[in-house]
Amino acid sequence: MNSRDDAIQYLRNLGYTARARDWILGSTIVVPIGKKRLSALTSKDEAEIYAWDGMLCLYPLESGEWAINDSRDVWNRDEKYPSLQDAVFSAEKIVRELNTDLE
């Protein structure tokens, strides 16, 4: 796994929602976690808007390491990993464990 695009495709191939997001944390990967809920409908096109219980955000560090931020962690203690691949495998495990009881 050599790039953010590779990581996103890997997670999508496993059936998870994963997206690229470029923002204050840099070029990140966002993976929604927990239960997907219908949040609202727009009036014109009736487009559905969904929200999840939280999200994992995988982001690069200046050191070349990667970190995972779990939005449910109110203390904001990000876990660090030596590589993108290690972070993705850890994120996949977290998402799998959280979503087991939601099916």
Protein backbone atom coordinates (compact mmCIF):
# COMPACT_ATOMS: atom_id res chain seq x y z
CA MET A 1 0.00 0.00 0.00
CA ASN A 2 1.91 2.98 -1.31
CA SER A 3 -0.56 5.84 -1.48
CA ARG A 4 -3.68 7.34 0.01
CA ASP A 5 -5.62 6.22 -3.07
CA ASP A 6 -4.39 2.63 -2.55
CA ALA A 7 -5.48 2.77 1.09
CA ILE A 8 -8.94 4.12 0.24
CA GLN A 9 -9.44 1.46 -2.44
CA TYR A 10 -8.33 -1.26 0.00
CA LEU A 11 -10.90 -0.13 2.59
CA ARG A 12 -13.64 0.21 -0.03
CA ASN A 13 -12.89 -3.29 -1.33
CA LEU A 14 -13.59 -4.53 2.20
CA GLY A 15 -17.00 -2.81 2.07
CA TYR A 16 -16.22 0.24 4.20
CA THR A 17 -16.99 3.83 3.33
CA ALA A 18 -13.66 5.64 2.94
CA ARG A 19 -12.95 9.02 1.41
CA ALA A 20 -10.09 11.40 0.82
CA ARG A 21 -10.32 14.68 2.67
CA ASP A 22 -7.89 17.59 2.38
CA TRP A 23 -8.15 19.94 5.33
CA ILE A 24 -6.28 21.22 8.38
CA LEU A 25 -4.89 17.74 9.16
CA GLY A 26 -3.50 17.50 5.63
CA SER A 27 -4.26 14.85 3.01
CA THR A 28 -6.27 12.47 5.14
CA ILE A 29 -8.45 9.38 4.86
CA VAL A 30 -11.81 9.52 6.61
CA VAL A 31 -13.71 6.36 7.55
CA PRO A 32 -17.16 6.71 9.16
CA ILE A 33 -17.73 4.42 12.15
CA GLY A 34 -20.76 3.18 14.03
CA LYS A 35 -24.34 3.31 12.91
CA LYS A 36 -25.31 5.14 9.72
CA ARG A 37 -28.40 7.27 10.35
CA LEU A 38 -30.63 9.30 8.08
CA SER A 39 -30.11 12.87 9.17
CA ALA A 40 -32.28 14.98 6.87
CA LEU A 41 -33.93 15.38 3.51
CA THR A 42 -33.53 18.39 1.28
CA SER A 43 -36.73 19.96 0.08
CA LYS A 44 -35.97 20.23 -3.65
CA ASP A 45 -34.48 16.91 -4.71
CA GLU A 46 -35.20 14.89 -1.58
CA ALA A 47 -31.52 13.97 -1.40
CA GLU A 48 -30.70 11.98 1.70
CA ILE A 49 -28.04 13.19 4.09
CA TYR A 50 -26.48 10.62 6.40
CA ALA A 51 -24.56 10.88 9.63
CA TRP A 52 -22.60 8.24 11.52
CA ASP A 53 -21.77 7.86 15.20
CA GLY A 54 -18.21 9.01 14.57
CA MET A 55 -15.26 8.83 12.22
CA LEU A 56 -11.68 7.71 12.06
CA CYS A 57 -9.29 10.12 10.44
CA LEU A 58 -5.96 8.74 9.22
CA TYR A 59 -3.43 11.49 8.65
CA PRO A 60 0.28 11.81 7.85
CA LEU A 61 2.81 13.22 10.30
CA GLU A 62 5.88 15.24 9.34
CA SER A 63 8.04 12.34 10.59
CA GLY A 64 6.63 10.06 7.87
CA GLU A 65 4.50 8.18 10.39
CA TRP A 66 0.71 8.08 10.24
CA ALA A 67 -1.80 8.68 13.02
CA ILE A 68 -5.43 7.80 13.61
CA ASN A 69 -7.82 10.23 15.26
CA ASP A 70 -11.03 8.68 16.61
CA SER A 71 -13.68 11.42 16.80
CA ARG A 72 -15.34 9.61 19.71
CA ASP A 73 -12.22 10.11 21.90
CA VAL A 74 -12.97 13.27 23.83
CA TRP A 75 -9.34 13.43 25.05
CA ASN A 76 -8.11 13.43 21.46
CA ARG A 77 -5.31 10.89 22.03
CA ASP A 78 -4.23 9.99 18.51
CA GLU A 79 -2.54 6.64 17.95
CA LYS A 80 0.65 6.71 15.85
CA TYR A 81 1.82 4.09 13.34
CA PRO A 82 5.11 3.69 11.47
CA SER A 83 3.47 3.47 8.04
CA LEU A 84 0.27 4.13 6.11
CA GLN A 85 -0.26 0.38 5.77
CA ASP A 86 -0.03 -0.17 9.54
CA ALA A 87 -2.51 2.66 10.15
CA VAL A 88 -4.95 1.28 7.55
CA PHE A 89 -4.80 -2.25 8.99
CA SER A 90 -5.43 -0.86 12.47
CA ALA A 91 -8.31 1.32 11.25
CA GLU A 92 -9.86 -1.69 9.49
CA LYS A 93 -9.72 -3.67 12.74
CA ILE A 94 -11.32 -0.81 14.71
CA VAL A 95 -14.12 -0.37 12.16
CA ARG A 96 -14.77 -4.12 11.93
CA GLU A 97 -15.04 -4.45 15.72
CA LEU A 98 -17.32 -1.41 16.07
CA ASN A 99 -19.62 -2.39 13.23
CA THR A 100 -20.02 -6.07 14.20
CA ASP A 101 -23.06 -5.42 16.37
CA LEU A 102 -24.74 -3.05 13.90
CA GLU A 103 -25.66 -5.49 11.14
